[in-house]
Protein backbone atom coordinates (compact mmCIF):
# COMPACT_ATOMS: atom_id res chain seq x y z
CA MET A 1 190.79 37.43 126.77
CA LYS A 2 190.16 33.74 127.36
CA GLN A 3 186.97 33.69 129.40
CA ARG A 4 184.67 35.63 127.07
CA PRO A 5 185.31 33.46 123.99
CA CYS A 6 185.04 30.34 126.15
CA ARG A 7 181.75 31.48 127.66
CA ALA A 8 180.38 32.35 124.20
CA TRP A 9 181.32 28.89 122.98
CA LEU A 10 179.75 27.23 126.02
CA THR A 11 176.54 29.22 125.58
CA ALA A 12 176.28 28.15 121.94
CA ASN A 13 177.38 24.53 122.34
CA ALA A 14 177.12 23.16 125.89
CA ASP A 15 174.09 22.44 128.03
CA PRO A 16 174.84 23.18 131.72
CA ALA A 17 172.78 20.12 132.67
CA THR A 18 175.19 17.79 130.86
CA THR A 19 178.46 19.73 130.90
CA MET A 20 181.08 19.85 133.64
CA LEU A 21 183.85 22.45 133.62
CA TYR A 22 187.27 21.56 135.07
CA VAL A 23 189.53 24.34 136.33
CA GLY A 24 193.23 23.78 136.93
CA ILE A 25 193.87 25.53 140.20
CA ASP A 26 195.45 23.57 143.01
CA TRP A 27 194.77 23.22 146.72
CA SER A 28 196.90 26.29 147.55
CA GLU A 29 194.41 28.46 145.64
CA GLN A 30 191.16 27.15 147.13
CA ARG A 31 190.18 30.68 148.17
CA ARG A 32 189.44 31.29 144.46
CA VAL A 33 186.87 28.49 144.17
CA PRO A 34 183.69 30.45 145.14
CA ALA A 35 184.35 33.29 142.69
CA ILE A 36 185.17 30.86 139.87
CA GLU A 37 182.01 28.85 140.53
CA LYS A 38 179.93 32.04 140.58
CA GLY A 39 181.59 33.34 137.42
CA TRP A 40 180.93 30.16 135.42
CA ALA A 41 177.34 29.63 136.59
CA PRO A 42 175.11 28.01 135.42
CA TRP A 43 177.77 25.43 134.46
CA PRO A 44 178.99 23.27 137.32
CA VAL A 45 182.74 23.44 137.99
CA ARG A 46 185.16 20.89 139.46
CA PHE A 47 188.67 21.48 140.74
CA PRO A 48 190.48 18.10 140.70
CA MET A 49 193.80 19.51 141.89
CA CYS A 50 192.08 20.90 145.01
CA GLU A 51 191.06 17.39 146.04
CA PRO A 52 193.26 14.96 148.02
CA PRO A 53 195.93 13.94 147.66
CA HIS A 54 197.17 17.53 147.80
CA LEU A 55 200.13 17.35 145.45
CA SER A 56 202.73 20.06 145.01
CA LYS A 57 203.38 21.41 141.53
CA GLN A 58 206.63 19.43 141.48
CA ASP A 59 204.74 16.26 142.47
CA MET A 60 202.34 16.83 139.57
CA LEU A 61 205.17 17.49 137.10
CA ASP A 62 207.01 14.36 138.29
CA TRP A 63 203.80 12.31 137.93
CA ALA A 64 203.24 13.65 134.40
CA ARG A 65 206.81 12.70 133.42
CA ALA A 66 206.36 9.23 134.92
CA GLU A 67 203.25 8.84 132.73
CA GLY A 68 205.31 9.74 129.65
CA LEU A 69 204.01 13.28 129.36
CA ARG A 70 206.36 16.16 128.69
CA PRO A 71 205.53 19.19 130.84
CA PRO A 72 204.95 22.46 129.00
CA ARG A 73 208.01 24.41 127.88
CA LEU A 74 207.28 27.36 130.19
CA TYR A 75 208.04 25.17 133.22
CA GLU A 76 211.38 24.23 131.69
CA GLN A 77 212.03 27.96 131.20
CA GLY A 78 211.47 28.59 134.91
CA PHE A 79 207.95 30.04 134.87
CA ALA A 80 205.67 29.21 137.80
CA HIS A 81 202.62 28.89 135.53
CA ASN A 82 201.93 27.74 131.99
CA ASN A 83 199.81 30.73 131.02
CA CYS A 84 199.86 33.11 128.07
CA PHE A 85 203.35 32.11 126.86
CA GLY A 86 204.64 33.92 129.96
CA VAL A 87 203.09 37.20 128.75
CA CYS A 88 200.32 37.42 131.33
CA VAL A 89 198.78 40.76 132.25
CA ARG A 90 198.01 39.33 135.68
CA ALA A 91 201.65 38.43 136.35
CA GLY A 92 203.81 40.45 138.70
CA GLN A 93 207.14 42.19 138.29
CA ARG A 94 209.16 39.05 139.02
CA GLN A 95 207.56 37.12 136.15
CA TRP A 96 207.94 40.06 133.76
CA ARG A 97 211.66 40.38 134.64
CA HIS A 98 212.01 36.64 134.07
CA LEU A 99 210.25 36.97 130.71
CA LEU A 100 212.68 39.75 129.77
CA THR A 101 215.57 37.38 130.51
CA VAL A 102 214.32 34.19 128.82
CA ALA A 103 212.14 35.59 126.01
CA PRO A 104 213.07 39.19 125.33
CA GLU A 105 211.18 39.16 122.01
CA ARG A 106 207.90 38.37 123.82
CA PHE A 107 208.63 41.06 126.40
CA ALA A 108 209.33 43.57 123.59
CA ALA A 109 206.06 42.74 121.84
CA ALA A 110 204.09 43.24 125.07
CA GLU A 111 205.99 46.45 125.77
CA ALA A 112 205.09 47.78 122.30
CA GLU A 113 201.41 46.91 122.81
CA GLU A 114 201.41 48.54 126.22
CA GLU A 115 202.97 51.67 124.74
CA LYS A 116 200.16 51.85 122.15
CA LEU A 117 197.63 51.72 124.98
CA ARG A 118 199.52 54.37 126.91
CA THR A 119 199.38 56.63 123.84
CA GLN A 120 195.60 56.20 123.73
CA LEU A 121 194.75 56.08 127.44
CA GLY A 122 197.47 58.02 129.25
CA ASP A 123 199.45 56.94 132.29
CA VAL A 124 198.30 53.31 132.54
CA ALA A 125 200.42 50.16 132.73
CA ILE A 126 200.17 46.42 133.18
CA LEU A 127 202.29 46.62 136.32
CA LYS A 128 202.01 48.73 139.44
CA GLU A 129 204.48 49.68 142.11
CA GLN A 130 204.03 51.10 145.60
CA ARG A 131 205.95 54.11 146.89
CA GLN A 132 205.17 55.45 150.35
CA GLY A 133 201.87 53.58 150.38
CA VAL A 134 200.70 54.98 147.02
CA SER A 135 200.23 52.81 143.92
CA TYR A 136 201.67 54.03 140.61
CA PRO A 137 201.69 52.55 137.10
CA LEU A 138 204.99 50.85 136.23
CA PRO A 139 205.36 50.64 132.43
CA LEU A 140 207.20 47.67 130.98
CA SER A 141 209.67 50.10 129.39
CA GLU A 142 210.62 51.32 132.86
CA LEU A 143 210.90 47.77 134.21
CA ARG A 144 213.23 46.94 131.30
CA ARG A 145 215.30 50.08 131.96
CA ARG A 146 215.65 49.19 135.64
CA ALA A 147 216.56 45.59 134.83
CA ALA A 148 219.47 46.84 132.74
CA LEU A 149 220.93 48.75 135.69
CA PRO A 150 223.55 47.00 137.82
CA GLN A 151 222.08 45.63 141.01
CA ALA A 152 223.21 47.21 144.28
CA PRO A 153 225.12 44.81 146.57
CA ALA A 154 222.96 43.22 149.25
């Protein structure tokens, strides 16, 4: 959803010989660098947060505050990433449960969109779950239903 429009814009407006792309992954995600570089070719890509000093996310947020910058609201709401207003199709069950708690209206909108897709495509879902080594779709409606159930004591 983000990469295609960005690539179209780059193709129309940016010469790879004079354009550098910067990607905001940190040193803990360096395994992603080769695929990202390949995917954005012919534009060169840099990853400043992968370079020393290797700061933690908290270090970076503290530095931003010290510089007078206010970190994005999603961090204040307890999200690990500032992506997609917390409604990220690449997020896992934990983030979706968190979204249900802190922004139920956004969860509901995503759930409604997913349900439209399920009507058109069948048994598909943003989330998956494993049972006995087999992967199954886990619709957001089911995640919401389960979240409403009392938790068993640990």
